[in-house]
Structures are given as C-alpha cells and as structure tokens.
Protein backbone atom coordinates (compact mmCIF):
# COMPACT_ATOMS: atom_id res chain seq x y z
CA MET A 1 -19.52 42.36 -12.76
CA GLY A 2 -16.36 42.91 -10.72
CA ILE A 3 -13.05 44.15 -12.07
CA SER A 4 -11.58 40.65 -12.01
CA GLY A 5 -14.57 39.24 -13.94
CA LEU A 6 -14.39 42.01 -16.55
CA PHE A 7 -10.67 41.45 -16.99
CA GLU A 8 -11.19 37.71 -17.42
CA SER A 9 -13.89 38.25 -20.09
CA ARG A 10 -11.65 40.61 -22.05
CA TRP A 11 -8.74 38.15 -21.80
CA ILE A 12 -10.89 35.34 -23.22
CA LEU A 13 -12.02 37.62 -26.07
CA VAL A 14 -8.44 38.60 -26.84
CA CYS A 15 -7.35 34.94 -26.88
CA VAL A 16 -10.12 34.02 -29.31
CA CYS A 17 -9.21 36.91 -31.60
CA LEU A 18 -5.53 36.00 -31.55
CA TRP A 19 -6.36 32.37 -32.37
CA GLN A 20 -8.54 33.40 -35.29
CA THR A 21 -5.94 35.77 -36.72
CA SER A 22 -3.22 33.14 -36.36
CA LEU A 23 -5.08 30.83 -38.73
CA GLY A 24 -5.65 31.31 -42.45
CA GLN A 25 -7.31 28.80 -44.80
CA VAL A 26 -7.80 28.62 -48.54
CA VAL A 27 -9.33 25.90 -50.69
CA TYR A 28 -8.04 24.77 -54.10
CA SER A 29 -9.04 22.06 -56.58
CA ILE A 30 -6.72 20.24 -58.93
CA SER A 31 -6.98 17.15 -61.11
CA GLU A 32 -4.97 14.08 -60.22
CA GLU A 33 -2.05 12.99 -62.42
CA VAL A 34 -1.12 16.57 -63.43
CA THR A 35 2.53 17.08 -64.35
CA LYS A 36 5.12 18.12 -61.82
CA GLY A 37 5.33 21.90 -61.64
CA THR A 38 1.63 22.51 -62.29
CA VAL A 39 0.52 25.62 -60.37
CA VAL A 40 -2.32 25.03 -57.90
CA GLY A 41 -2.80 28.68 -57.00
CA ASN A 42 -0.99 31.75 -55.73
CA ILE A 43 -0.87 31.01 -52.04
CA ALA A 44 0.80 34.32 -51.14
CA LYS A 45 -1.97 36.33 -52.79
CA ASP A 46 -4.77 34.16 -51.38
CA LEU A 47 -3.34 34.30 -47.85
CA LYS A 48 -2.69 38.05 -48.25
CA ILE A 49 1.05 37.74 -47.71
CA ASN A 50 3.38 40.18 -49.43
CA ILE A 51 5.53 38.20 -51.87
CA GLN A 52 8.60 40.18 -50.79
CA GLU A 53 8.06 38.86 -47.24
CA LEU A 54 8.01 35.15 -48.09
CA GLU A 55 11.74 34.66 -47.68
CA SER A 56 12.24 37.11 -44.82
CA ARG A 57 9.40 35.49 -42.89
CA MET A 58 10.72 32.00 -43.75
CA PHE A 59 7.42 30.90 -45.25
CA GLN A 60 7.37 27.12 -45.63
CA ILE A 61 5.19 24.05 -45.99
CA VAL A 62 5.17 22.23 -42.66
CA PRO A 63 6.99 18.87 -42.91
CA GLY A 64 4.61 15.92 -42.68
CA SER A 65 1.58 17.78 -44.06
CA ASN A 66 1.73 16.29 -47.57
CA LYS A 67 4.79 18.43 -48.21
CA LYS A 68 6.25 15.98 -50.71
CA TYR A 69 3.30 16.64 -53.05
CA PHE A 70 3.45 20.45 -52.97
CA ASP A 71 5.94 23.28 -52.64
CA VAL A 72 6.00 27.07 -52.89
CA ASN A 73 7.89 29.27 -55.33
CA MET A 74 9.36 31.87 -53.02
CA LYS A 75 9.78 34.35 -55.88
CA THR A 76 6.17 34.29 -57.15
CA GLY A 77 4.17 32.90 -54.23
CA ALA A 78 2.80 30.06 -56.40
CA LEU A 79 1.87 26.77 -54.77
CA PHE A 80 2.84 24.03 -57.25
CA VAL A 81 2.71 20.26 -57.58
CA ASN A 82 5.98 18.69 -56.51
CA GLU A 83 5.14 15.03 -57.15
CA ARG A 84 2.61 13.03 -59.18
CA ILE A 85 -0.69 12.59 -57.32
CA ASP A 86 -2.60 9.33 -57.76
CA ARG A 87 -6.07 9.91 -56.34
CA GLU A 88 -6.82 6.19 -56.04
CA GLU A 89 -3.61 5.61 -54.10
CA PHE A 90 -4.29 8.48 -51.72
CA CYS A 91 -8.07 8.23 -51.22
CA GLU A 92 -8.95 4.82 -52.71
CA GLN A 93 -12.60 4.99 -53.84
CA ASN A 94 -13.85 7.71 -51.51
CA GLN A 95 -16.11 10.14 -53.35
CA ARG A 96 -14.34 13.14 -51.79
CA CYS A 97 -10.57 13.31 -51.80
CA VAL A 98 -8.90 16.13 -49.88
CA MET A 99 -5.25 16.80 -49.13
CA ASN A 100 -4.56 19.10 -46.21
CA VAL A 101 -1.39 21.18 -46.41
CA GLU A 102 -0.12 23.28 -43.54
CA ALA A 103 2.17 26.28 -43.88
CA LEU A 104 4.03 28.46 -41.42
CA ALA A 105 5.39 32.02 -41.49
CA GLN A 106 7.56 33.75 -38.88
CA ASN A 107 7.81 37.33 -37.58
CA PRO A 108 4.98 37.43 -36.79
CA HIS A 109 4.29 33.77 -36.26
CA ARG A 110 1.28 32.64 -38.29
CA PHE A 111 -0.08 29.21 -39.13
CA TYR A 112 -2.07 28.50 -42.31
CA ARG A 113 -4.17 25.61 -43.56
CA VAL A 114 -4.67 24.87 -47.24
CA GLU A 115 -7.32 22.38 -48.38
CA ILE A 116 -6.75 20.85 -51.82
CA ASN A 117 -9.53 18.85 -53.47
CA ILE A 118 -8.12 16.18 -55.76
CA VAL A 119 -10.43 15.74 -58.74
CA ASP A 120 -10.74 12.30 -60.33
CA VAL A 121 -9.76 11.73 -63.96
CA ASN A 122 -10.68 8.66 -65.97
CA ASP A 123 -7.31 6.93 -65.74
CA ASN A 124 -8.46 3.40 -64.90
CA PHE A 125 -10.05 0.69 -67.03
CA PRO A 126 -12.86 -1.54 -65.74
CA ARG A 127 -11.30 -4.90 -64.88
CA PHE A 128 -12.76 -8.34 -64.30
CA PRO A 129 -11.14 -10.66 -61.72
CA GLU A 130 -10.05 -12.91 -64.61
CA SER A 131 -9.88 -12.41 -68.36
CA SER A 132 -11.89 -15.55 -69.11
CA LEU A 133 -14.58 -17.70 -67.55
CA ILE A 134 -15.73 -21.28 -68.26
CA MET A 135 -19.34 -22.15 -67.45
CA ASN A 136 -21.07 -25.53 -67.64
CA ILE A 137 -24.80 -25.27 -68.36
CA TYR A 138 -27.05 -28.30 -68.77
CA GLU A 139 -28.90 -28.46 -72.05
CA ASP A 140 -32.25 -28.93 -70.30
CA ALA A 141 -31.97 -25.45 -68.67
CA SER A 142 -35.17 -23.49 -69.16
CA PRO A 143 -35.48 -20.08 -70.84
CA GLY A 144 -35.46 -17.46 -68.09
CA ASP A 145 -32.88 -19.31 -65.97
CA ARG A 146 -30.24 -16.96 -64.57
CA PHE A 147 -26.52 -17.48 -64.03
CA HIS A 148 -24.39 -15.12 -61.92
CA LEU A 149 -21.36 -13.52 -63.53
CA PRO A 150 -18.37 -11.83 -61.84
CA LEU A 151 -18.53 -8.05 -61.50
CA ALA A 152 -15.89 -5.80 -62.99
CA GLU A 153 -14.15 -3.24 -60.79
CA ASP A 154 -13.18 0.34 -61.63
CA ALA A 155 -10.95 2.36 -59.31
CA ASP A 156 -12.35 5.66 -60.59
CA VAL A 157 -15.33 7.34 -58.94
CA GLY A 158 -18.37 9.41 -59.88
CA SER A 159 -19.07 9.77 -63.59
CA ASN A 160 -15.82 7.93 -64.39
CA SER A 161 -16.82 4.77 -62.53
CA LEU A 162 -18.31 1.61 -64.03
CA LYS A 163 -21.74 2.25 -65.58
CA ASP A 164 -22.91 -0.62 -67.80
CA TYR A 165 -22.38 -4.10 -69.26
CA ARG A 166 -23.06 -5.39 -72.75
CA LEU A 167 -23.04 -8.88 -74.21
CA SER A 168 -21.83 -9.78 -77.68
CA SER A 169 -24.55 -10.70 -80.18
CA ASN A 170 -25.82 -14.26 -79.80
CA GLU A 171 -29.14 -16.11 -80.04
CA TYR A 172 -29.16 -17.79 -76.63
CA PHE A 173 -28.30 -15.30 -73.88
CA SER A 174 -28.89 -11.74 -72.66
CA ILE A 175 -27.69 -10.02 -69.49
CA ASP A 176 -29.32 -8.17 -66.59
CA PHE A 177 -27.32 -5.57 -64.69
CA GLN A 178 -28.66 -4.40 -61.32
CA THR A 179 -27.02 -1.33 -59.76
CA GLY A 180 -26.98 -0.07 -56.22
CA GLU A 181 -25.31 -1.48 -53.13
CA PRO A 182 -25.54 -4.07 -51.75
CA THR A 183 -27.60 -5.57 -54.60
CA GLU A 184 -25.28 -4.82 -57.52
CA SER A 185 -25.12 -7.84 -59.78
CA VAL A 186 -24.79 -8.95 -63.38
CA GLU A 187 -26.52 -12.13 -64.55
CA LEU A 188 -26.63 -14.16 -67.73
CA ILE A 189 -30.24 -14.95 -68.76
CA LEU A 190 -31.09 -17.89 -71.02
CA GLN A 191 -33.39 -16.74 -73.82
CA LYS A 192 -33.62 -19.90 -75.93
CA SER A 193 -33.43 -23.64 -75.15
CA LEU A 194 -30.01 -25.21 -75.62
CA ASP A 195 -29.32 -28.32 -77.69
CA ARG A 196 -25.93 -29.93 -77.16
CA GLU A 197 -26.34 -32.07 -80.27
CA LYS A 198 -26.50 -28.85 -82.37
CA GLN A 199 -23.95 -26.74 -80.48
CA SER A 200 -21.91 -28.07 -77.59
CA VAL A 201 -19.64 -25.05 -77.00
CA MET A 202 -20.16 -21.32 -77.48
CA ASN A 203 -18.05 -18.25 -76.79
CA ILE A 204 -19.57 -14.90 -75.88
CA LEU A 205 -17.92 -11.66 -74.81
CA LEU A 206 -19.06 -9.56 -71.84
CA THR A 207 -17.89 -5.92 -71.95
CA ALA A 208 -17.93 -3.51 -68.99
CA PHE A 209 -18.16 0.24 -69.72
CA ASP A 210 -17.32 3.20 -67.52
CA GLY A 211 -18.88 6.66 -67.79
CA GLY A 212 -15.77 8.56 -68.81
CA LYS A 213 -15.34 10.60 -71.97
CA PRO A 214 -13.95 8.85 -73.87
CA GLN A 215 -15.21 5.62 -72.32
CA LYS A 216 -12.87 2.90 -71.14
CA THR A 217 -13.83 -0.76 -71.28
CA GLY A 218 -12.87 -4.16 -69.90
CA THR A 219 -13.81 -7.55 -71.32
CA LEU A 220 -14.52 -11.07 -70.09
CA LEU A 221 -14.49 -14.02 -72.51
CA ILE A 222 -17.18 -16.51 -71.45
CA THR A 223 -16.92 -20.08 -72.75
CA ILE A 224 -20.12 -22.05 -72.24
CA ASN A 225 -19.99 -25.83 -72.31
CA VAL A 226 -23.45 -27.27 -72.93
CA VAL A 227 -23.65 -30.37 -70.72
CA ASP A 228 -25.41 -33.40 -72.14
CA VAL A 229 -28.56 -34.81 -70.55
CA ASN A 230 -30.27 -38.10 -71.43
CA ASP A 231 -32.81 -36.60 -73.82
CA ASN A 232 -32.56 -39.13 -76.70
CA LYS A 233 -33.96 -42.67 -76.94
CA PRO A 234 -32.08 -45.56 -78.59
CA VAL A 235 -33.65 -46.64 -81.91
CA PHE A 236 -32.94 -49.52 -84.31
CA SER A 237 -31.57 -48.94 -87.79
CA ASN A 238 -32.79 -50.90 -90.85
CA ARG A 239 -29.88 -53.32 -90.37
CA GLY A 240 -31.04 -54.27 -86.90
CA ARG A 241 -28.32 -52.31 -85.18
CA CYS A 242 -29.30 -50.19 -82.20
CA VAL A 243 -28.46 -46.54 -82.79
CA LYS A 244 -29.19 -43.28 -81.00
CA LYS A 245 -31.60 -40.99 -82.79
CA THR A 246 -32.26 -37.40 -81.96
CA GLN A 247 -35.83 -36.63 -80.96
CA MET A 248 -37.54 -33.91 -82.94
C-alpha cells in the first residue's frame, strides 16, 4: 500500500473513532402519568460527565427533541419529568413507546442520545361505542342462533388492555368472545326459545373487563324486544266469540 493509501485508511479510522466518541446513549424506563419533577435518572453520572462541568459546558436538552417533557437539574445532574406524559396521546396503542431525547455539551462538543421507554399504566376504562343497545329478536329464533354485539375499546396495551366479557345472569342468553385479530368478536347466543306472550322485553348487562390490577370495567345495557310472530291460532270461546288462544 502506498503512503497516500495508508494515510487515507488512517484518516477513515480516525473519523470513525471521533464519530463514536462524539455520541453517548443511555436508556431509561418510566411510567406514564408520573408527577412533574419525578427523576428519570442521573444523566450526568450515566453519561460520565462531571457534575461540576454541566454549567461550564452549557449542557442542555436540544430544543425539539421532546424537551418540553424533560429537563436537567444542573446542580445534581438528574434528568426529571417536566410535563405530564400521556402514553396513549404520544404512542396511541403501539406496544412499544419510546421517547428520544437529545442533549448537547460544549468544550469539547459532544452530542448525546437518551432513549426513554414509557411504560403503560392502567389509566383507561374499557368503553363501548354507546352506553345502551336495543335489539329486536323474533320469538321464533332457534337456540344456538348468534347475534353480533359491539366491541369495547381500551386505550391501554399489554396486560392492561381489554381481556374478557361477561353477561349478567339470565335464562335465555350467553356470550362468546373470540380474541385475536382480525377475528375478534363478541356474540350473544340464544340458549332457550323465546316466547313473547310470556316476556316481551328483557334487559341484560354486558360488562367488559381489562387485565389491570385492580381491573377496570365498562358496561353496555342491552334491551331485547321480542318480536311477535304468528304462532297462535284463533279459537272460539264458549260464548261463540272468536278469541286468540296460546298454543301449548
């Protein structure tokens, strides 16, 4: 290899080394909704910066890199929460929620990256699209017939997300909950034949449960109108008047 080639190789190596030493990165985890002032970690210690140098080197969070959520105590080197963090607002329902914070120090000039994992807390209730539902079901429906119900939604993720449904005690219906996308569904299943002449309206309560501890719930009031079908023949009374008699 010639002198020029050797020089070029060394220059590339030096550039790579300088780039690596100009970057520092630490990873923290913190729960959403923590109070303002909560300490995330000691960024000076973790980035191996002398606390006494923070002010002289003008250490700062780079504007635009989620600065409004975090700040640094220049006396202690602690990175702390500067504003309430709502995980659902920032990451919606993504399983992994990460905030990237960038910091800068001068003399010498160094650039740092801090990765902060925002951990979900069970701060949302399961919610149905509406609080009540009216269903019309014909009285000649057969046991085993299924009727789709609206799904509840829960903005939380993981173990805090929606896990189950339960139906209030009744003699006519049960529910079937199928999990897994895209087949997630909840259905009402008829267990016993309906008879409008005995009961024309019934109210049952569907409750959605999440997996948090303690659990949070959401409810849907279902009103079922049993629709009449022509299942009775006219019969004559002893007075010769035609009346409608219920078949046994």
